[in-house]
Amino acid sequence: MQEKILRKLFLGFIQIHILHHARKEPFYGAWMIEELMEHGYNMSPGTLYPLLHNMESSGLLEKEEKLIEGKIRKYYNITELGNEILEEALIKAYELFKEIKE
């Protein structure tokens, strides 16, 4: 029960993390799984890829397919809407951090 609640709570943090990296440079899913693991998020492909697809459907990310070593790899990049949402999320996250830090 506790893990389910935390997972739901951290989903927003994960999406902010994804948008942050998509703004820096395009990324592919396996790289993002490793990146999130470095920050304590245990994401499986079965969890990450539906999240990426949802963010793409919402207009936050765009996908580009590239042929890498004979395989198609999907790279995700932030959209203009994704940038706007990320900026607003960063403001709200900073406000929250200041409040709970006290």
N, C-alpha and C. Protein backbone atom coordinates (compact mmCIF):
# COMPACT_ATOMS: atom_id res chain seq x y z
N MET A 1 0.83 -1.19 0.00
CA MET A 1 0.00 0.00 0.00
C MET A 1 0.88 1.26 0.00
N GLN A 2 1.86 1.31 0.90
CA GLN A 2 2.72 2.48 1.00
C GLN A 2 3.49 2.70 -0.31
N GLU A 3 3.99 1.63 -0.90
CA GLU A 3 4.75 1.77 -2.15
C GLU A 3 3.86 2.30 -3.27
N LYS A 4 2.61 1.87 -3.32
CA LYS A 4 1.67 2.35 -4.33
C LYS A 4 1.43 3.86 -4.18
N ILE A 5 1.29 4.31 -2.95
CA ILE A 5 1.07 5.74 -2.69
C ILE A 5 2.30 6.54 -3.09
N LEU A 6 3.49 6.06 -2.69
CA LEU A 6 4.73 6.76 -3.03
C LEU A 6 4.94 6.80 -4.54
N ARG A 7 4.64 5.71 -5.21
CA ARG A 7 4.81 5.63 -6.66
C ARG A 7 3.95 6.69 -7.35
N LYS A 8 2.71 6.81 -6.89
CA LYS A 8 1.81 7.80 -7.45
C LYS A 8 2.32 9.22 -7.18
N LEU A 9 2.80 9.46 -5.98
CA LEU A 9 3.35 10.76 -5.60
C LEU A 9 4.58 11.10 -6.43
N PHE A 10 5.48 10.14 -6.60
CA PHE A 10 6.73 10.39 -7.31
C PHE A 10 6.56 10.48 -8.82
N LEU A 11 5.41 10.08 -9.34
CA LEU A 11 5.18 10.14 -10.78
C LEU A 11 5.36 11.57 -11.31
N GLY A 12 4.90 12.55 -10.57
CA GLY A 12 5.10 13.94 -10.98
C GLY A 12 6.57 14.33 -10.99
N PHE A 13 7.32 13.88 -9.97
CA PHE A 13 8.76 14.15 -9.93
C PHE A 13 9.45 13.53 -11.14
N ILE A 14 9.05 12.32 -11.47
CA ILE A 14 9.65 11.61 -12.59
C ILE A 14 9.38 12.35 -13.90
N GLN A 15 8.16 12.84 -14.07
CA GLN A 15 7.83 13.58 -15.28
C GLN A 15 8.63 14.87 -15.38
N ILE A 16 8.83 15.56 -14.28
CA ILE A 16 9.66 16.76 -14.28
C ILE A 16 11.09 16.39 -14.65
N HIS A 17 11.58 15.29 -14.11
CA HIS A 17 12.93 14.82 -14.41
C HIS A 17 13.05 14.53 -15.92
N ILE A 18 12.06 13.87 -16.47
CA ILE A 18 12.06 13.54 -17.90
C ILE A 18 12.09 14.82 -18.74
N LEU A 19 11.23 15.78 -18.41
CA LEU A 19 11.20 17.03 -19.16
C LEU A 19 12.53 17.77 -19.04
N HIS A 20 13.11 17.76 -17.86
CA HIS A 20 14.41 18.41 -17.65
C HIS A 20 15.46 17.84 -18.61
N HIS A 21 15.55 16.52 -18.69
CA HIS A 21 16.57 15.92 -19.56
C HIS A 21 16.22 16.09 -21.03
N ALA A 22 14.93 16.06 -21.36
CA ALA A 22 14.52 16.25 -22.75
C ALA A 22 14.86 17.66 -23.22
N ARG A 23 14.88 18.61 -22.29
CA ARG A 23 15.24 19.98 -22.64
C ARG A 23 16.75 20.08 -22.89
N LYS A 24 17.53 19.31 -22.15
CA LYS A 24 18.99 19.37 -22.31
C LYS A 24 19.42 18.75 -23.64
N GLU A 25 18.88 17.57 -23.95
CA GLU A 25 19.19 16.89 -25.20
C GLU A 25 18.24 15.71 -25.38
N PRO A 26 18.00 15.29 -26.62
CA PRO A 26 17.13 14.13 -26.84
C PRO A 26 17.71 12.89 -26.14
N PHE A 27 16.82 12.05 -25.63
CA PHE A 27 17.24 10.83 -24.94
C PHE A 27 16.41 9.65 -25.44
N TYR A 28 16.90 8.45 -25.18
CA TYR A 28 16.13 7.24 -25.49
C TYR A 28 15.78 6.54 -24.18
N GLY A 29 14.78 5.68 -24.25
CA GLY A 29 14.19 5.10 -23.05
C GLY A 29 15.15 4.36 -22.14
N ALA A 30 16.00 3.51 -22.69
CA ALA A 30 16.92 2.73 -21.83
C ALA A 30 17.85 3.67 -21.07
N TRP A 31 18.29 4.75 -21.70
CA TRP A 31 19.14 5.72 -21.01
C TRP A 31 18.37 6.36 -19.85
N MET A 32 17.10 6.70 -20.10
CA MET A 32 16.30 7.35 -19.06
C MET A 32 16.06 6.41 -17.88
N ILE A 33 15.87 5.14 -18.14
CA ILE A 33 15.71 4.17 -17.06
C ILE A 33 16.95 4.19 -16.17
N GLU A 34 18.12 4.17 -16.77
CA GLU A 34 19.38 4.22 -16.00
C GLU A 34 19.50 5.53 -15.23
N GLU A 35 19.16 6.64 -15.86
CA GLU A 35 19.23 7.95 -15.23
C GLU A 35 18.31 8.00 -14.01
N LEU A 36 17.10 7.54 -14.16
CA LEU A 36 16.15 7.55 -13.05
C LEU A 36 16.61 6.63 -11.92
N MET A 37 17.23 5.50 -12.27
CA MET A 37 17.75 4.59 -11.24
C MET A 37 18.84 5.26 -10.40
N GLU A 38 19.64 6.11 -11.04
CA GLU A 38 20.69 6.83 -10.30
C GLU A 38 20.10 7.76 -9.25
N HIS A 39 18.83 8.11 -9.42
CA HIS A 39 18.16 9.01 -8.48
C HIS A 39 17.16 8.27 -7.60
N GLY A 40 17.25 6.94 -7.58
CA GLY A 40 16.44 6.15 -6.67
C GLY A 40 15.08 5.74 -7.19
N TYR A 41 14.79 5.99 -8.47
CA TYR A 41 13.52 5.57 -9.05
C TYR A 41 13.73 4.26 -9.79
N ASN A 42 13.02 3.24 -9.38
CA ASN A 42 13.13 1.93 -10.00
C ASN A 42 12.05 1.81 -11.08
N MET A 43 12.42 2.09 -12.32
CA MET A 43 11.47 2.09 -13.43
C MET A 43 11.77 0.93 -14.37
N SER A 44 10.74 0.20 -14.71
CA SER A 44 10.88 -0.85 -15.71
C SER A 44 10.46 -0.28 -17.06
N PRO A 45 10.86 -0.92 -18.15
CA PRO A 45 10.39 -0.46 -19.46
C PRO A 45 8.86 -0.45 -19.55
N GLY A 46 8.22 -1.41 -18.90
CA GLY A 46 6.76 -1.49 -18.92
C GLY A 46 6.09 -0.34 -18.19
N THR A 47 6.84 0.37 -17.37
CA THR A 47 6.32 1.56 -16.68
C THR A 47 6.73 2.82 -17.42
N LEU A 48 7.99 2.88 -17.85
CA LEU A 48 8.50 4.10 -18.47
C LEU A 48 7.88 4.37 -19.84
N TYR A 49 7.83 3.37 -20.71
CA TYR A 49 7.38 3.62 -22.08
C TYR A 49 5.94 4.10 -22.17
N PRO A 50 5.00 3.53 -21.41
CA PRO A 50 3.65 4.11 -21.42
C PRO A 50 3.64 5.57 -20.92
N LEU A 51 4.49 5.88 -19.95
CA LEU A 51 4.59 7.25 -19.45
C LEU A 51 5.10 8.18 -20.55
N LEU A 52 6.14 7.76 -21.27
CA LEU A 52 6.67 8.56 -22.37
C LEU A 52 5.62 8.75 -23.46
N HIS A 53 4.89 7.68 -23.77
CA HIS A 53 3.85 7.77 -24.81
C HIS A 53 2.75 8.73 -24.38
N ASN A 54 2.40 8.69 -23.11
CA ASN A 54 1.38 9.60 -22.58
C ASN A 54 1.86 11.05 -22.65
N MET A 55 3.12 11.27 -22.30
CA MET A 55 3.68 12.63 -22.36
C MET A 55 3.75 13.11 -23.82
N GLU A 56 4.00 12.18 -24.73
CA GLU A 56 4.02 12.53 -26.15
C GLU A 56 2.60 12.86 -26.62
N SER A 57 1.63 12.06 -26.23
CA SER A 57 0.23 12.30 -26.60
C SER A 57 -0.28 13.62 -26.04
N SER A 58 0.24 14.01 -24.88
CA SER A 58 -0.17 15.27 -24.25
C SER A 58 0.54 16.47 -24.86
N GLY A 59 1.48 16.23 -25.77
CA GLY A 59 2.18 17.33 -26.43
C GLY A 59 3.39 17.85 -25.68
N LEU A 60 3.84 17.11 -24.66
CA LEU A 60 5.01 17.54 -23.88
C LEU A 60 6.32 17.08 -24.50
N LEU A 61 6.29 15.94 -25.16
CA LEU A 61 7.47 15.37 -25.80
C LEU A 61 7.16 15.08 -27.27
N GLU A 62 8.21 15.07 -28.07
CA GLU A 62 8.09 14.59 -29.44
C GLU A 62 9.13 13.50 -29.64
N LYS A 63 8.79 12.55 -30.49
CA LYS A 63 9.64 11.37 -30.69
C LYS A 63 10.22 11.40 -32.09
N GLU A 64 11.49 11.03 -32.17
CA GLU A 64 12.16 10.89 -33.46
C GLU A 64 12.83 9.52 -33.49
N GLU A 65 12.59 8.79 -34.55
CA GLU A 65 13.19 7.47 -34.69
C GLU A 65 14.49 7.60 -35.48
N LYS A 66 15.54 6.96 -34.95
CA LYS A 66 16.85 6.97 -35.61
C LYS A 66 17.34 5.53 -35.74
N LEU A 67 18.01 5.27 -36.83
CA LEU A 67 18.60 3.95 -37.06
C LEU A 67 19.99 3.95 -36.42
N ILE A 68 20.17 3.15 -35.38
CA ILE A 68 21.43 3.05 -34.66
C ILE A 68 21.87 1.59 -34.67
N GLU A 69 23.02 1.33 -35.30
CA GLU A 69 23.58 -0.02 -35.37
C GLU A 69 22.55 -1.04 -35.83
N GLY A 70 21.80 -0.68 -36.86
CA GLY A 70 20.83 -1.58 -37.46
C GLY A 70 19.51 -1.69 -36.72
N LYS A 71 19.33 -0.91 -35.67
CA LYS A 71 18.09 -0.97 -34.89
C LYS A 71 17.47 0.43 -34.83
N ILE A 72 16.15 0.47 -34.79
CA ILE A 72 15.45 1.73 -34.64
C ILE A 72 15.44 2.10 -33.16
N ARG A 73 15.93 3.28 -32.86
CA ARG A 73 15.92 3.79 -31.48
C ARG A 73 15.07 5.06 -31.47
N LYS A 74 14.17 5.14 -30.48
CA LYS A 74 13.28 6.28 -30.37
C LYS A 74 13.87 7.30 -29.40
N TYR A 75 14.11 8.50 -29.90
CA TYR A 75 14.63 9.59 -29.09
C TYR A 75 13.50 10.57 -28.77
N TYR A 76 13.48 11.02 -27.54
CA TYR A 76 12.46 11.96 -27.09
C TYR A 76 13.08 13.32 -26.84
N ASN A 77 12.36 14.36 -27.28
CA ASN A 77 12.79 15.74 -27.12
C ASN A 77 11.62 16.54 -26.58
N ILE A 78 11.90 17.61 -25.89
CA ILE A 78 10.85 18.44 -25.31
C ILE A 78 10.22 19.32 -26.40
N THR A 79 8.94 19.60 -26.24
CA THR A 79 8.22 20.50 -27.15
C THR A 79 8.12 21.88 -26.51
N GLU A 80 7.57 22.82 -27.26
CA GLU A 80 7.36 24.16 -26.70
C GLU A 80 6.42 24.08 -25.50
N LEU A 81 5.35 23.30 -25.62
CA LEU A 81 4.43 23.13 -24.50
C LEU A 81 5.15 22.48 -23.32
N GLY A 82 5.97 21.49 -23.60
CA GLY A 82 6.74 20.83 -22.54
C GLY A 82 7.63 21.81 -21.80
N ASN A 83 8.26 22.73 -22.54
CA ASN A 83 9.09 23.77 -21.91
C ASN A 83 8.26 24.67 -21.01
N GLU A 84 7.08 25.07 -21.47
CA GLU A 84 6.21 25.92 -20.67
C GLU A 84 5.78 25.20 -19.39
N ILE A 85 5.39 23.95 -19.52
CA ILE A 85 4.96 23.16 -18.37
C ILE A 85 6.12 22.97 -17.40
N LEU A 86 7.31 22.69 -17.93
CA LEU A 86 8.48 22.50 -17.07
C LEU A 86 8.78 23.77 -16.30
N GLU A 87 8.73 24.92 -16.94
CA GLU A 87 8.99 26.18 -16.25
C GLU A 87 8.02 26.38 -15.10
N GLU A 88 6.74 26.13 -15.34
CA GLU A 88 5.74 26.28 -14.28
C GLU A 88 5.97 25.27 -13.16
N ALA A 89 6.31 24.04 -13.52
CA ALA A 89 6.57 23.00 -12.52
C ALA A 89 7.78 23.37 -11.66
N LEU A 90 8.81 23.94 -12.27
CA LEU A 90 10.00 24.33 -11.51
C LEU A 90 9.68 25.42 -10.50
N ILE A 91 8.84 26.36 -10.89
CA ILE A 91 8.43 27.42 -9.97
C ILE A 91 7.67 26.82 -8.79
N LYS A 92 6.72 25.93 -9.08
CA LYS A 92 5.92 25.31 -8.02
C LYS A 92 6.79 24.42 -7.14
N ALA A 93 7.71 23.68 -7.75
CA ALA A 93 8.59 22.80 -6.97
C ALA A 93 9.48 23.62 -6.04
N TYR A 94 9.98 24.74 -6.52
CA TYR A 94 10.83 25.60 -5.71
C TYR A 94 10.04 26.18 -4.53
N GLU A 95 8.82 26.63 -4.81
CA GLU A 95 7.96 27.15 -3.73
C GLU A 95 7.71 26.08 -2.67
N LEU A 96 7.41 24.87 -3.12
CA LEU A 96 7.17 23.77 -2.18
C LEU A 96 8.42 23.45 -1.38
N PHE A 97 9.57 23.38 -2.05
CA PHE A 97 10.82 23.08 -1.37
C PHE A 97 11.11 24.11 -0.27
N LYS A 98 10.92 25.40 -0.59
CA LYS A 98 11.16 26.45 0.40
C LYS A 98 10.24 26.26 1.60
N GLU A 99 9.00 25.92 1.37
CA GLU A 99 8.04 25.78 2.46
C GLU A 99 8.34 24.57 3.35
N ILE A 100 8.63 23.43 2.75
CA ILE A 100 8.85 22.23 3.57
C ILE A 100 10.24 22.19 4.18
N LYS A 101 11.14 23.00 3.68
CA LYS A 101 12.51 23.05 4.23
C LYS A 101 12.52 23.72 5.60
N GLU A 102 11.60 24.64 5.82
CA GLU A 102 11.56 25.40 7.09
C GLU A 102 11.13 24.56 8.25
